[in-house]
Amino acid sequence: MLKLAKEGLKLVVTIAVVAIATVSALAQQSFTGQGRYRVEIVATGKALDLRVEDKRTVQQWAVGNARNQQWDLVDAGDGFYFITSVENGRVLDVEGSRARNGSLVITATRGNSDNQKWKLADNGRGEFTIISKAGMSLESPAGKRNDGVALQIGEPHGLENQRFRLIRLGDVEAKIRPREDAPTTPGTAVIQAFKGKGRYQIQSVVSNHFLDLRRDDNTTLQQWSGSGGLNQQWDFEDAGNGYFYIRSVESGRVLEVAGARDGSAVIAKGQQIGRDSQKFRIVDAGNGQSLIVARNGKVLDLPNSARNEGQSLQLWGEHRRDNQRFIFKPVDTTVTMSGGRTREPRDSRIPSRDTAPVEQPYVSGNMTWRGRVDTEVLLEVRGNSVTEKLIAGKSFNNGRFTFSAAMPARELTLRIENKKVRGTVEVVERPTAANGYTAVIRVRDPQRDAADYEFVLIW
């Protein structure tokens, strides 16, 4: 009996050893050396994530597909790796370069520091500890499971908050700068997203409505069903250091944040070059979706995921749910002419302050405009020229105008004298340095059929 028991025990041990070896072999499939990975924390189930507000802090966040949760493990020699953010091209490091318990983990420019070199040790269950050459372990603070908790280092102990799962996403892509799109194999569908400077319509993921400049005040940023109107088109202009000015094509005003607290409004105002409250950056959130992040770190947000037309937008702390996600749809700025021909407009947006002429002396004068209007057109008046833009209805593009004198490049008080008007004619934008000294006139006709209009713009 004793011999039989010993044989049975031997069999159990053998099975256990085989099982452990099998698990270990499977675990090695999750980390196979240099490559691109998502790194998940065993204790919380969240992913290693680069905070979008500062592009520096490494935190935990619910698992997603965005680039700020993707990491390239690159051979650093002697069994160590540089762990490089795909989002910003920088490597995991320790704040202050001090390897102490509780020191925060950040990303920094790659060097040769022991705090930037990490070794992965497999525990045999598909889980790894990540220990720096300086001898400290990457960890999530014990007991903290909420999104946004910053990662830190600690003395190695191998508990769950120091254990990670690695999900291989592919190979390290050579010669790809941070935030560029990776090359794809032929036949692979590519989801189009924000591509930098240009003109876009911006659609909310949660409501399917579009960002819209309210025409009643030319100030409020709201959502509305898609119309294709100029008040739903936005020019993204370089503001430096990865930021953009977001300019309404209709009014020439740029978006500006009205504060840094949750719930602060986002409005359209005249541009002030260099003003941080008018600067935004676009963060890839995966699946062709993006976050719009203000210079103060807050994110453009649709309150309570509202789906009603006319709901205004706000700023809120980043949480990346659908009411903070937007889809960018490029707008073709070519103009279709008779016979199907196209041309690029000479000036497809209201000039920026950078191109505005020097302010000129005041000279009184007027401009008389005559034309046929079907629903709504905008007239952009600058100097001695008028550009007609169709907002809604049938296009006639037959406006005729005469100037008594060129409108001077300066801030002006304007008034309208109606001669033949069935609907309304109003000044929606006065000339300022911010819009290139351009006056914008809106002509609206309320009837179903078109009508002839005549009015005089006086300054």
Protein backbone atom coordinates (compact mmCIF):
# COMPACT_ATOMS: atom_id res chain seq x y z
CA MET A 1 0.00 0.00 0.00
CA LEU A 2 2.81 2.38 0.89
CA LYS A 3 4.49 1.66 -2.44
CA LEU A 4 1.21 2.27 -4.27
CA ALA A 5 0.73 5.60 -2.47
CA LYS A 6 4.24 6.67 -3.41
CA GLU A 7 3.62 5.76 -7.04
CA GLY A 8 0.37 7.75 -6.97
CA LEU A 9 2.11 10.77 -5.48
CA LYS A 10 4.80 10.53 -8.11
CA LEU A 11 2.16 10.50 -10.83
CA VAL A 12 0.45 13.60 -9.40
CA VAL A 13 3.76 15.46 -9.18
CA THR A 14 4.58 14.49 -12.76
CA ILE A 15 1.21 15.73 -14.00
CA ALA A 16 1.65 18.98 -12.08
CA VAL A 17 5.11 19.52 -13.53
CA VAL A 18 3.80 18.86 -17.05
CA ALA A 19 0.88 21.25 -16.47
CA ILE A 20 3.16 24.01 -15.21
CA ALA A 21 5.49 23.49 -18.14
CA THR A 22 2.53 23.69 -20.55
CA VAL A 23 1.25 26.90 -18.94
CA SER A 24 4.75 28.36 -19.07
CA ALA A 25 5.03 27.49 -22.76
CA LEU A 26 1.70 29.16 -23.45
CA ALA A 27 2.72 32.19 -21.40
CA GLN A 28 5.77 32.68 -23.58
CA GLN A 29 3.41 33.20 -26.50
CA SER A 30 2.25 36.45 -24.86
CA PHE A 31 5.78 37.85 -24.69
CA THR A 32 8.03 36.83 -27.53
CA GLY A 33 10.77 39.41 -27.31
CA GLN A 34 11.09 42.71 -29.12
CA GLY A 35 7.73 43.91 -30.47
CA ARG A 36 4.66 46.04 -29.89
CA TYR A 37 2.45 45.21 -26.88
CA ARG A 38 -0.42 46.28 -24.70
CA VAL A 39 0.57 45.91 -21.05
CA GLU A 40 -2.22 45.00 -18.59
CA ILE A 41 -2.01 45.09 -14.79
CA VAL A 42 -3.06 41.80 -13.16
CA ALA A 43 -4.40 43.43 -9.97
CA THR A 44 -6.74 45.90 -11.71
CA GLY A 45 -7.30 44.54 -15.22
CA LYS A 46 -6.41 47.99 -16.58
CA ALA A 47 -3.82 48.91 -19.16
CA LEU A 48 -0.56 50.82 -18.98
CA ASP A 49 -1.58 54.19 -20.43
CA LEU A 50 0.14 57.47 -21.34
CA ARG A 51 -1.89 60.36 -19.91
CA VAL A 52 -3.14 62.50 -22.80
CA GLU A 53 -3.09 65.79 -20.85
CA ASP A 54 0.67 65.91 -20.40
CA LYS A 55 2.02 63.10 -22.62
CA ARG A 56 4.38 62.30 -19.76
CA THR A 57 2.62 60.58 -16.85
CA VAL A 58 2.14 56.81 -17.03
CA GLN A 59 -1.16 55.75 -15.49
CA GLN A 60 -3.67 52.89 -15.47
CA TRP A 61 -6.82 53.10 -17.56
CA ALA A 62 -9.56 50.83 -18.87
CA VAL A 63 -8.29 48.74 -21.77
CA GLY A 64 -8.73 50.29 -25.24
CA ASN A 65 -7.11 50.33 -28.67
CA ALA A 66 -5.60 53.82 -28.69
CA ARG A 67 -1.93 54.46 -29.40
CA ASN A 68 -1.33 55.78 -25.89
CA GLN A 69 -1.88 52.21 -24.64
CA GLN A 70 0.62 50.71 -27.07
CA TRP A 71 4.26 50.13 -26.15
CA ASP A 72 7.27 49.05 -28.19
CA LEU A 73 9.69 46.82 -26.30
CA VAL A 74 13.08 47.40 -27.90
CA ASP A 75 16.20 45.38 -27.08
CA ALA A 76 18.55 47.34 -24.77
CA GLY A 77 21.10 44.51 -24.42
CA ASP A 78 21.86 42.00 -21.64
CA GLY A 79 18.22 40.86 -21.50
CA PHE A 80 16.84 44.34 -20.83
CA TYR A 81 14.36 46.37 -22.93
CA PHE A 82 13.46 49.98 -23.51
CA ILE A 83 9.67 50.29 -23.15
CA THR A 84 8.72 52.99 -25.67
CA SER A 85 5.36 54.76 -25.97
CA VAL A 86 3.96 54.51 -29.49
CA GLU A 87 2.11 57.78 -28.82
CA ASN A 88 5.08 60.05 -28.10
CA GLY A 89 8.20 57.97 -28.89
CA ARG A 90 9.62 58.31 -25.37
CA VAL A 91 10.63 55.53 -22.97
CA LEU A 92 9.58 54.52 -19.47
CA ASP A 93 11.67 56.28 -16.85
CA VAL A 94 11.46 57.33 -13.20
CA GLU A 95 10.59 60.89 -12.21
CA GLY A 96 13.60 62.70 -10.80
CA SER A 97 15.82 59.74 -11.83
CA ARG A 98 15.68 58.45 -8.24
CA ALA A 99 14.99 54.76 -7.73
CA ARG A 100 12.95 55.03 -4.51
CA ASN A 101 9.77 53.35 -3.32
CA GLY A 102 6.78 55.31 -4.62
CA SER A 103 8.66 57.30 -7.26
CA LEU A 104 6.36 58.03 -10.20
CA VAL A 105 6.89 56.46 -13.60
CA ILE A 106 7.02 58.85 -16.56
CA THR A 107 8.15 58.83 -20.17
CA ALA A 108 11.36 60.63 -21.11
CA THR A 109 13.78 61.01 -23.97
CA ARG A 110 15.75 57.80 -24.39
CA GLY A 111 19.22 57.76 -22.86
CA ASN A 112 21.37 55.16 -21.14
CA SER A 113 19.98 55.33 -17.60
CA ASP A 114 19.43 52.13 -15.60
CA ASN A 115 15.93 53.49 -14.82
CA GLN A 116 15.09 53.23 -18.54
CA LYS A 117 16.09 49.58 -18.96
CA TRP A 118 13.63 46.88 -17.88
CA LYS A 119 13.79 43.10 -17.60
CA LEU A 120 10.66 40.93 -17.80
CA ALA A 121 10.50 37.90 -15.51
CA ASP A 122 7.87 35.23 -16.22
CA ASN A 123 6.14 33.69 -13.16
CA GLY A 124 4.99 30.70 -15.20
CA ARG A 125 1.32 31.71 -15.40
CA GLY A 126 1.47 34.15 -18.28
CA GLU A 127 2.27 36.99 -15.91
CA PHE A 128 5.44 39.06 -15.72
CA THR A 129 7.20 41.33 -13.28
CA ILE A 130 8.89 44.32 -14.94
CA ILE A 131 12.06 45.23 -13.04
CA SER A 132 14.44 48.03 -13.93
CA LYS A 133 18.20 47.61 -14.13
CA ALA A 134 18.28 49.82 -11.03
CA GLY A 135 16.48 46.99 -9.20
CA MET A 136 12.98 48.47 -8.77
CA SER A 137 9.71 46.92 -9.92
CA LEU A 138 7.02 48.65 -11.96
CA GLU A 139 3.77 48.64 -9.97
CA SER A 140 0.28 50.01 -9.59
CA PRO A 141 -0.29 51.49 -6.10
CA ALA A 142 -1.80 48.74 -3.94
CA GLY A 143 -5.57 48.87 -3.55
CA LYS A 144 -6.15 51.62 -6.12
CA ARG A 145 -8.28 50.41 -9.00
CA ASN A 146 -9.73 53.58 -10.53
CA ASP A 147 -8.81 55.05 -13.90
CA GLY A 148 -6.06 57.68 -13.85
CA VAL A 149 -3.96 56.30 -11.00
CA ALA A 150 -0.30 56.97 -11.77
CA LEU A 151 2.14 54.04 -11.92
CA GLN A 152 5.16 53.98 -9.64
CA ILE A 153 8.14 51.81 -8.69
CA GLY A 154 8.67 49.74 -5.55
CA GLU A 155 10.87 47.07 -4.04
CA PRO A 156 10.13 43.80 -5.88
CA HIS A 157 7.69 41.49 -4.06
CA GLY A 158 5.83 39.84 -6.96
CA LEU A 159 2.27 40.48 -5.72
CA GLU A 160 -0.54 41.17 -8.21
CA ASN A 161 0.03 44.92 -8.37
CA GLN A 162 3.57 44.17 -9.66
CA ARG A 163 2.45 41.59 -12.19
CA PHE A 164 1.52 42.27 -15.80
CA ARG A 165 0.13 40.49 -18.84
CA LEU A 166 1.54 41.38 -22.26
CA ILE A 167 -0.62 41.17 -25.36
CA ARG A 168 1.43 41.25 -28.50
CA LEU A 169 0.05 43.64 -31.13
CA GLY A 170 2.74 43.29 -33.78
CA ASP A 171 6.32 44.06 -34.62
CA VAL A 172 8.15 47.28 -33.86
CA GLU A 173 7.69 49.55 -36.87
CA ALA A 174 10.96 51.04 -38.04
CA LYS A 175 11.30 54.70 -38.97
CA ILE A 176 7.77 55.70 -37.96
CA ARG A 177 7.66 59.02 -36.15
CA PRO A 178 5.34 59.37 -33.16
CA ARG A 179 1.67 59.82 -34.12
CA GLU A 180 2.22 58.91 -37.78
CA ASP A 181 0.04 56.19 -39.19
CA ALA A 182 1.72 52.84 -39.48
CA PRO A 183 1.99 51.32 -42.96
CA THR A 184 -0.65 48.76 -43.77
CA THR A 185 -0.61 45.68 -45.92
CA PRO A 186 -2.42 45.86 -49.28
CA GLY A 187 -6.11 45.16 -48.98
CA THR A 188 -6.28 46.17 -45.31
CA ALA A 189 -9.05 48.65 -44.53
CA VAL A 190 -7.74 51.88 -43.02
CA ILE A 191 -10.03 53.89 -40.75
CA GLN A 192 -9.55 57.56 -41.63
CA ALA A 193 -9.04 59.91 -38.70
CA PHE A 194 -7.61 63.35 -38.06
CA LYS A 195 -4.81 64.09 -40.53
CA GLY A 196 -3.53 67.43 -39.33
CA LYS A 197 -4.10 70.86 -40.86
CA GLY A 198 -7.16 71.12 -43.06
CA ARG A 199 -10.92 71.54 -43.11
CA TYR A 200 -13.22 69.08 -41.34
CA GLN A 201 -16.72 68.33 -40.20
CA ILE A 202 -16.63 66.92 -36.66
CA GLN A 203 -19.21 64.30 -35.66
CA SER A 204 -20.02 63.18 -32.12
CA VAL A 205 -19.70 59.41 -31.66
CA VAL A 206 -22.48 59.25 -29.06
CA SER A 207 -25.13 61.42 -30.78
CA ASN A 208 -24.10 61.34 -34.46
CA HIS A 209 -24.68 65.12 -34.56
CA PHE A 210 -22.03 67.56 -35.80
CA LEU A 211 -20.20 70.40 -34.08
CA ASP A 212 -22.13 73.49 -35.13
CA LEU A 213 -21.66 77.22 -34.54
CA ARG A 214 -25.00 78.64 -33.41
CA ARG A 215 -26.05 81.24 -35.97
CA ASP A 216 -28.14 83.26 -33.54
CA ASP A 217 -25.03 84.48 -31.71
CA ASN A 218 -22.00 83.25 -33.72
CA THR A 219 -20.52 82.33 -30.35
CA THR A 220 -22.06 79.13 -28.96
CA LEU A 221 -20.59 75.76 -29.91
CA GLN A 222 -23.47 73.29 -30.11
CA GLN A 223 -24.41 70.02 -31.78
CA TRP A 224 -26.86 69.76 -34.69
CA SER A 225 -27.83 67.22 -37.30
CA GLY A 226 -25.62 67.31 -40.37
CA SER A 227 -26.41 70.10 -42.82
CA GLY A 228 -23.12 70.59 -44.64
CA GLY A 229 -23.37 74.31 -43.87
CA LEU A 230 -20.30 76.46 -43.32
CA ASN A 231 -21.22 76.74 -39.63
CA GLN A 232 -20.47 72.99 -39.41
CA GLN A 233 -17.07 73.26 -41.10
CA TRP A 234 -13.86 73.93 -39.19
CA ASP A 235 -10.37 74.88 -40.34
CA PHE A 236 -7.53 73.43 -38.25
CA GLU A 237 -4.55 75.79 -38.33
CA ASP A 238 -1.12 75.13 -36.83
CA ALA A 239 -0.63 76.80 -33.43
CA GLY A 240 2.77 75.20 -32.77
CA ASN A 241 3.98 72.32 -30.58
CA GLY A 242 1.28 69.95 -31.80
CA TYR A 243 -1.61 72.34 -31.07
CA PHE A 244 -4.17 73.83 -33.45
CA TYR A 245 -6.49 76.79 -33.72
CA ILE A 246 -10.00 75.59 -34.64
CA ARG A 247 -11.60 78.24 -36.88
CA SER A 248 -15.24 78.39 -37.98
CA VAL A 249 -15.36 78.57 -41.78
CA GLU A 250 -18.58 80.58 -41.56
CA SER A 251 -17.61 83.29 -39.09
CA GLY A 252 -13.80 83.21 -39.06
CA ARG A 253 -13.84 83.03 -35.26
CA VAL A 254 -11.78 80.44 -33.40
CA LEU A 255 -12.81 78.17 -30.54
CA GLU A 256 -11.75 79.29 -27.08
CA VAL A 257 -12.19 77.74 -23.62
CA ALA A 258 -13.94 79.91 -21.04
CA GLY A 259 -12.30 78.28 -18.01
CA ALA A 260 -10.39 75.28 -16.68
CA ARG A 261 -13.07 73.71 -14.47
CA ASP A 262 -15.32 70.81 -15.35
CA GLY A 263 -18.34 72.23 -17.15
CA SER A 264 -16.53 75.28 -18.55
CA ALA A 265 -17.95 76.50 -21.85
CA VAL A 266 -16.27 76.41 -25.25
CA ILE A 267 -17.14 79.42 -27.39
CA ALA A 268 -16.10 81.10 -30.63
CA LYS A 269 -14.22 84.40 -30.39
CA GLY A 270 -11.93 86.59 -32.43
CA GLN A 271 -8.47 85.08 -32.74
CA GLN A 272 -5.63 86.23 -30.52
CA ILE A 273 -2.40 84.70 -31.80
CA GLY A 274 -0.53 82.77 -29.11
CA ARG A 275 -3.38 82.68 -26.59
CA ASP A 276 -3.33 79.28 -24.83
CA SER A 277 -7.09 79.25 -24.31
CA GLN A 278 -7.50 79.03 -28.10
CA LYS A 279 -5.17 76.06 -28.57
CA PHE A 280 -6.28 72.43 -28.88
CA ARG A 281 -4.63 69.15 -29.75
CA ILE A 282 -6.18 66.04 -31.20
CA VAL A 283 -5.54 62.70 -29.50
CA ASP A 284 -6.08 59.41 -31.32
CA ALA A 285 -8.58 57.32 -29.33
CA GLY A 286 -8.54 54.34 -31.72
CA ASN A 287 -11.09 53.11 -34.26
CA GLY A 288 -10.92 56.34 -36.23
CA GLN A 289 -12.08 58.35 -33.21
CA SER A 290 -10.35 61.26 -31.50
CA LEU A 291 -10.38 63.36 -28.35
CA ILE A 292 -10.22 67.16 -28.61
CA VAL A 293 -8.01 68.32 -25.74
CA ALA A 294 -7.63 71.94 -24.67
CA ARG A 295 -4.26 73.42 -23.71
CA ASN A 296 -5.35 73.26 -20.04
CA GLY A 297 -5.76 69.46 -20.28
CA LYS A 298 -9.56 69.34 -20.23
CA VAL A 299 -11.42 67.45 -22.97
CA LEU A 300 -14.28 68.60 -25.22
CA ASP A 301 -17.36 66.83 -23.86
CA LEU A 302 -21.05 66.44 -24.73
CA PRO A 303 -22.91 66.83 -21.40
CA ASN A 304 -24.64 63.65 -20.23
CA SER A 305 -24.34 62.16 -23.75
CA ALA A 306 -27.27 64.39 -24.79
CA ARG A 307 -28.74 63.66 -28.21
CA ASN A 308 -30.90 66.76 -28.70
CA GLU A 309 -30.11 69.39 -31.33
CA GLY A 310 -28.88 72.66 -29.85
CA GLN A 311 -27.05 71.10 -26.89
CA SER A 312 -23.94 73.15 -26.18
CA LEU A 313 -20.54 71.54 -25.64
CA GLN A 314 -18.36 71.85 -22.53
CA LEU A 315 -14.96 70.94 -21.09
CA TRP A 316 -14.56 68.01 -18.72
CA GLY A 317 -11.85 65.85 -17.21
CA GLU A 318 -10.75 63.04 -19.48
CA HIS A 319 -12.65 59.75 -19.19
CA ARG A 320 -12.72 58.73 -22.90
CA ARG A 321 -16.29 57.54 -23.03
CA ASP A 322 -18.25 58.06 -26.24
CA ASN A 323 -19.42 61.56 -25.32
CA GLN A 324 -15.77 62.69 -25.51
CA ARG A 325 -15.07 60.97 -28.81
CA PHE A 326 -15.40 62.54 -32.25
CA ILE A 327 -14.98 61.50 -35.86
CA PHE A 328 -13.20 63.88 -38.24
CA LYS A 329 -14.54 64.04 -41.79
CA PRO A 330 -12.32 65.95 -44.24
CA VAL A 331 -14.12 68.57 -46.35
CA ASP A 332 -13.23 68.91 -50.03
CA THR A 333 -12.60 72.62 -50.59
CA THR A 334 -12.69 72.41 -54.40
CA VAL A 335 -15.60 74.17 -56.10
CA THR A 336 -17.71 72.37 -58.69
CA MET A 337 -18.39 74.49 -61.78
CA SER A 338 -20.64 74.01 -64.79
CA GLY A 339 -19.81 70.96 -66.86
CA GLY A 340 -18.41 69.16 -63.81
CA ARG A 341 -15.15 71.13 -63.79
CA THR A 342 -13.56 71.95 -60.43
CA ARG A 343 -11.24 74.61 -59.13
CA GLU A 344 -9.61 75.39 -55.80
CA PRO A 345 -10.93 78.64 -54.29
CA ARG A 346 -8.44 81.47 -54.22
CA ASP A 347 -9.21 81.93 -50.54
CA SER A 348 -11.07 79.01 -49.00
CA ARG A 349 -11.24 80.58 -45.55
CA ILE A 350 -11.38 83.98 -43.97
CA PRO A 351 -7.78 85.27 -43.72
CA SER A 352 -6.05 84.90 -40.38
CA ARG A 353 -4.52 87.71 -38.42
CA ASP A 354 -1.13 86.64 -39.71
CA THR A 355 -2.14 87.70 -43.24
CA ALA A 356 -4.22 90.75 -42.33
CA PRO A 357 -3.03 94.03 -43.87
CA VAL A 358 -1.81 96.92 -41.78
CA GLU A 359 -4.70 98.96 -40.38
CA GLN A 360 -5.69 101.75 -42.74
CA PRO A 361 -7.18 105.21 -42.08
CA TYR A 362 -10.95 105.48 -41.94
CA VAL A 363 -12.64 106.40 -45.23
CA SER A 364 -16.44 106.45 -45.36
CA GLY A 365 -18.18 104.57 -48.13
CA ASN A 366 -20.67 101.91 -49.09
CA MET A 367 -21.19 98.76 -51.11
CA THR A 368 -24.41 97.99 -52.99
CA TRP A 369 -25.24 94.33 -53.61
CA ARG A 370 -27.94 92.89 -55.91
CA GLY A 371 -28.62 89.20 -56.38
CA ARG A 372 -31.08 86.34 -56.26
CA VAL A 373 -31.31 84.29 -53.02
CA ASP A 374 -33.06 80.97 -52.41
CA THR A 375 -32.64 80.18 -48.68
CA GLU A 376 -29.39 81.50 -47.28
CA VAL A 377 -26.09 82.90 -48.50
CA LEU A 378 -23.10 84.50 -46.79
CA LEU A 379 -21.26 87.42 -48.33
CA GLU A 380 -17.65 88.04 -47.29
CA VAL A 381 -16.69 91.64 -47.97
CA ARG A 382 -13.05 92.66 -47.95
CA GLY A 383 -11.52 95.73 -49.57
CA ASN A 384 -13.39 96.07 -52.85
CA SER A 385 -14.30 92.41 -53.33
CA VAL A 386 -17.27 90.23 -52.33
CA THR A 387 -17.21 86.43 -52.05
CA GLU A 388 -20.57 84.67 -52.15
CA LYS A 389 -20.96 81.41 -50.21
CA LEU A 390 -24.06 79.22 -50.40
CA ILE A 391 -25.32 77.97 -47.03
CA ALA A 392 -28.67 76.47 -47.99
CA GLY A 393 -31.01 76.36 -50.97
CA LYS A 394 -30.30 76.67 -54.68
CA SER A 395 -27.11 78.32 -55.87
CA PHE A 396 -27.43 81.28 -58.25
CA ASN A 397 -24.01 82.88 -57.70
CA ASN A 398 -25.26 85.89 -59.66
CA GLY A 399 -24.60 88.64 -57.17
CA ARG A 400 -23.48 92.00 -58.57
CA PHE A 401 -21.88 94.68 -56.43
CA THR A 402 -20.50 98.20 -56.65
CA PHE A 403 -18.32 100.11 -54.19
CA SER A 404 -18.26 103.84 -53.71
CA ALA A 405 -14.82 103.30 -52.16
CA ALA A 406 -12.88 100.24 -51.00
CA MET A 407 -13.77 99.19 -47.45
CA PRO A 408 -10.72 100.18 -45.37
CA ALA A 409 -8.74 97.53 -43.50
CA ARG A 410 -9.71 98.56 -39.99
CA GLU A 411 -12.35 97.88 -37.38
CA LEU A 412 -15.60 99.45 -38.53
CA THR A 413 -19.17 100.03 -37.43
CA LEU A 414 -21.44 98.83 -40.22
CA ARG A 415 -25.12 99.25 -40.99
CA ILE A 416 -27.47 97.84 -43.60
CA GLU A 417 -29.90 99.89 -45.67
CA ASN A 418 -32.47 97.59 -47.30
CA LYS A 419 -33.66 98.44 -50.82
CA LYS A 420 -35.42 95.26 -51.93
CA VAL A 421 -35.52 92.60 -49.23
CA ARG A 422 -38.13 89.89 -48.60
CA GLY A 423 -36.30 88.18 -45.70
CA THR A 424 -33.42 89.46 -43.58
CA VAL A 425 -29.98 90.93 -44.20
CA GLU A 426 -27.66 91.22 -41.21
CA VAL A 427 -24.01 91.77 -40.35
CA VAL A 428 -22.83 88.62 -38.55
CA GLU A 429 -19.12 89.51 -38.35
CA ARG A 430 -17.58 92.95 -38.20
CA PRO A 431 -14.13 93.51 -39.76
CA THR A 432 -11.30 93.03 -37.25
CA ALA A 433 -7.60 92.19 -37.39
CA ALA A 434 -8.49 88.65 -36.30
CA ASN A 435 -10.54 87.95 -39.45
CA GLY A 436 -8.38 89.86 -41.91
CA TYR A 437 -10.68 92.91 -41.82
CA THR A 438 -13.50 90.99 -43.45
CA ALA A 439 -17.19 91.79 -42.99
CA VAL A 440 -19.56 88.83 -43.16
CA ILE A 441 -23.16 89.48 -44.24
CA ARG A 442 -25.91 86.87 -43.97
CA VAL A 443 -28.90 87.01 -46.35
CA ARG A 444 -31.83 84.76 -45.42
CA ASP A 445 -34.98 84.23 -47.45
CA PRO A 446 -37.92 82.58 -45.60
CA GLN A 447 -40.01 81.55 -48.60
CA ARG A 448 -39.77 78.35 -50.61
CA ASP A 449 -39.09 80.11 -53.89
CA ALA A 450 -36.16 82.42 -54.60
CA ALA A 451 -36.34 86.22 -54.58
CA ASP A 452 -34.31 89.19 -55.80
CA TYR A 453 -32.48 91.19 -53.13
CA GLU A 454 -30.83 94.60 -53.05
CA PHE A 455 -29.21 96.32 -50.09
CA VAL A 456 -26.48 98.80 -49.23
CA LEU A 457 -23.70 98.14 -46.71
CA ILE A 458 -22.57 101.44 -45.20
CA TRP A 459 -19.47 102.24 -43.10
